[in-house]
Amino acid sequence: MKKEQIEYSVVVPVYNSEKTLEILFQRLSEVFQKTGNTFEVVFVNDNSKDNSYNILSALHDRHHNILVIDLFKNSGQQNALMCGFKYCNGKYVVTIDD
């Protein structure tokens, strides 16, 4: 069986965003469902001090198109983006803030 080609990778650097992560993924899903494009979301947790990682892990458990990278130290937005790029499988890459 041929693996479905992912059209879009959305890279999201995350820092202390526990309150917005679920709604962010929900909204991204709604947009891509309307367009009919396949997508994945690459969340890069930049050593958040809140519950962001646990929320991302729970989202990953429920959705097959989420990747979670957990950085062991805070590296900054630019470095988190660069890290996320290494894990993208989509034909196109989009970056957004959390």
C-alpha atoms as a PDB file:
ATOM      1  CA  MET A   1       0.000   0.000   0.000  1.00  0.00           C
ATOM      2  CA  LYS A   2       1.390   3.370  -1.017  1.00  0.00           C
ATOM      3  CA  LYS A   3       1.867   5.848   1.820  1.00  0.00           C
ATOM      4  CA  GLU A   4      -0.157   9.027   1.345  1.00  0.00           C
ATOM      5  CA  GLN A   5       2.004  12.027   0.441  1.00  0.00           C
ATOM      6  CA  ILE A   6       1.745  14.813   2.993  1.00  0.00           C
ATOM      7  CA  GLU A   7       1.243  18.132   1.265  1.00  0.00           C
ATOM      8  CA  TYR A   8       1.859  20.527   4.159  1.00  0.00           C
ATOM      9  CA  SER A   9       4.042  20.453   7.245  1.00  0.00           C
ATOM     10  CA  VAL A  10       3.205  23.114   9.809  1.00  0.00           C
ATOM     11  CA  VAL A  11       6.084  23.795  12.203  1.00  0.00           C
ATOM     12  CA  VAL A  12       5.114  25.364  15.518  1.00  0.00           C
ATOM     13  CA  PRO A  13       7.719  26.363  18.109  1.00  0.00           C
ATOM     14  CA  VAL A  14       6.082  26.092  21.530  1.00  0.00           C
ATOM     15  CA  TYR A  15       6.953  27.865  24.756  1.00  0.00           C
ATOM     16  CA  ASN A  16       4.598  27.955  27.750  1.00  0.00           C
ATOM     17  CA  SER A  17       1.454  27.642  25.657  1.00  0.00           C
ATOM     18  CA  GLU A  18      -0.550  25.043  27.528  1.00  0.00           C
ATOM     19  CA  LYS A  19      -3.770  27.066  27.266  1.00  0.00           C
ATOM     20  CA  THR A  20      -3.771  27.423  23.465  1.00  0.00           C
ATOM     21  CA  LEU A  21      -2.305  24.228  22.007  1.00  0.00           C
ATOM     22  CA  GLU A  22      -5.504  22.211  21.696  1.00  0.00           C
ATOM     23  CA  ILE A  23      -7.462  25.042  20.074  1.00  0.00           C
ATOM     24  CA  LEU A  24      -4.529  25.757  17.752  1.00  0.00           C
ATOM     25  CA  PHE A  25      -4.527  22.169  16.503  1.00  0.00           C
ATOM     26  CA  GLN A  26      -8.307  22.157  16.203  1.00  0.00           C
ATOM     27  CA  ARG A  27      -8.263  25.312  14.072  1.00  0.00           C
ATOM     28  CA  LEU A  28      -5.455  24.028  11.874  1.00  0.00           C
ATOM     29  CA  SER A  29      -7.378  20.795  11.335  1.00  0.00           C
ATOM     30  CA  GLU A  30     -10.516  22.691  10.354  1.00  0.00           C
ATOM     31  CA  VAL A  31      -8.647  24.792   7.804  1.00  0.00           C
ATOM     32  CA  PHE A  32      -6.957  21.814   6.178  1.00  0.00           C
ATOM     33  CA  GLN A  33     -10.179  19.792   6.129  1.00  0.00           C
ATOM     34  CA  LYS A  34     -11.869  22.625   4.228  1.00  0.00           C
ATOM     35  CA  THR A  35      -9.064  22.743   1.668  1.00  0.00           C
ATOM     36  CA  GLY A  36      -8.814  18.980   1.324  1.00  0.00           C
ATOM     37  CA  ASN A  37      -5.030  19.041   1.713  1.00  0.00           C
ATOM     38  CA  THR A  38      -3.100  16.514   3.762  1.00  0.00           C
ATOM     39  CA  PHE A  39      -1.015  17.916   6.596  1.00  0.00           C
ATOM     40  CA  GLU A  40       1.079  17.234   9.637  1.00  0.00           C
ATOM     41  CA  VAL A  41       1.916  19.506  12.545  1.00  0.00           C
ATOM     42  CA  VAL A  42       5.435  19.459  13.961  1.00  0.00           C
ATOM     43  CA  PHE A  43       5.323  20.938  17.451  1.00  0.00           C
ATOM     44  CA  VAL A  44       8.743  21.797  18.902  1.00  0.00           C
ATOM     45  CA  ASN A  45       8.525  22.258  22.662  1.00  0.00           C
ATOM     46  CA  ASP A  46      11.284  24.730  23.522  1.00  0.00           C
ATOM     47  CA  ASN A  47      11.707  23.549  27.135  1.00  0.00           C
ATOM     48  CA  SER A  48       8.398  25.012  28.339  1.00  0.00           C
ATOM     49  CA  LYS A  49       8.022  25.436  32.089  1.00  0.00           C
ATOM     50  CA  ASP A  50       4.270  24.785  32.067  1.00  0.00           C
ATOM     51  CA  ASN A  51       2.250  21.713  31.036  1.00  0.00           C
ATOM     52  CA  SER A  52       2.776  22.219  27.276  1.00  0.00           C
ATOM     53  CA  TYR A  53       4.694  18.986  26.737  1.00  0.00           C
ATOM     54  CA  ASN A  54       2.054  16.835  28.434  1.00  0.00           C
ATOM     55  CA  ILE A  55      -0.696  18.450  26.373  1.00  0.00           C
ATOM     56  CA  LEU A  56       1.294  17.901  23.182  1.00  0.00           C
ATOM     57  CA  SER A  57       1.878  14.275  24.125  1.00  0.00           C
ATOM     58  CA  ALA A  58      -1.854  13.765  24.680  1.00  0.00           C
ATOM     59  CA  LEU A  59      -2.624  15.396  21.323  1.00  0.00           C
ATOM     60  CA  HIS A  60      -0.053  13.131  19.667  1.00  0.00           C
ATOM     61  CA  ASP A  61      -1.729  10.080  21.192  1.00  0.00           C
ATOM     62  CA  ARG A  62      -5.084  11.095  19.662  1.00  0.00           C
ATOM     63  CA  HIS A  63      -3.941  12.326  16.239  1.00  0.00           C
ATOM     64  CA  HIS A  64      -1.713  10.471  13.775  1.00  0.00           C
ATOM     65  CA  ASN A  65      -0.548  13.656  12.050  1.00  0.00           C
ATOM     66  CA  ILE A  66       1.202  15.281  15.013  1.00  0.00           C
ATOM     67  CA  LEU A  67       4.921  15.058  15.712  1.00  0.00           C
ATOM     68  CA  VAL A  68       6.287  16.348  19.007  1.00  0.00           C
ATOM     69  CA  ILE A  69       9.911  17.274  19.534  1.00  0.00           C
ATOM     70  CA  ASP A  70      10.937  18.113  23.091  1.00  0.00           C
ATOM     71  CA  LEU A  71      14.092  20.220  23.440  1.00  0.00           C
ATOM     72  CA  PHE A  72      16.053  19.633  26.644  1.00  0.00           C
ATOM     73  CA  LYS A  73      16.966  23.327  26.986  1.00  0.00           C
ATOM     74  CA  ASN A  74      15.424  26.562  25.805  1.00  0.00           C
ATOM     75  CA  SER A  75      17.000  27.316  22.445  1.00  0.00           C
ATOM     76  CA  GLY A  76      14.857  30.190  21.184  1.00  0.00           C
ATOM     77  CA  GLN A  77      12.260  30.432  18.456  1.00  0.00           C
ATOM     78  CA  GLN A  78      14.666  30.390  15.496  1.00  0.00           C
ATOM     79  CA  ASN A  79      16.489  27.279  16.664  1.00  0.00           C
ATOM     80  CA  ALA A  80      13.209  25.543  17.483  1.00  0.00           C
ATOM     81  CA  LEU A  81      12.024  26.236  13.934  1.00  0.00           C
ATOM     82  CA  MET A  82      15.257  24.921  12.442  1.00  0.00           C
ATOM     83  CA  CYS A  83      14.942  21.774  14.531  1.00  0.00           C
ATOM     84  CA  GLY A  84      11.340  21.286  13.375  1.00  0.00           C
ATOM     85  CA  PHE A  85      12.354  21.590   9.716  1.00  0.00           C
ATOM     86  CA  LYS A  86      14.461  18.441  10.081  1.00  0.00           C
ATOM     87  CA  TYR A  87      11.345  16.401  10.871  1.00  0.00           C
ATOM     88  CA  CYS A  88       9.031  17.699   8.133  1.00  0.00           C
ATOM     89  CA  ASN A  89       7.591  15.225   5.650  1.00  0.00           C
ATOM     90  CA  GLY A  90       5.414  17.613   3.658  1.00  0.00           C
ATOM     91  CA  LYS A  91       5.944  18.955   0.183  1.00  0.00           C
ATOM     92  CA  TYR A  92       5.479  22.487   1.559  1.00  0.00           C
ATOM     93  CA  VAL A  93       6.447  23.885   4.959  1.00  0.00           C
ATOM     94  CA  VAL A  94       4.503  26.536   6.844  1.00  0.00           C
ATOM     95  CA  THR A  95       5.627  28.118  10.108  1.00  0.00           C
ATOM     96  CA  ILE A  96       3.365  29.711  12.679  1.00  0.00           C
ATOM     97  CA  ASP A  97       3.669  30.881  16.257  1.00  0.00           C
ATOM     98  CA  ASP A  98       1.898  29.030  19.002  1.00  0.00           C
END
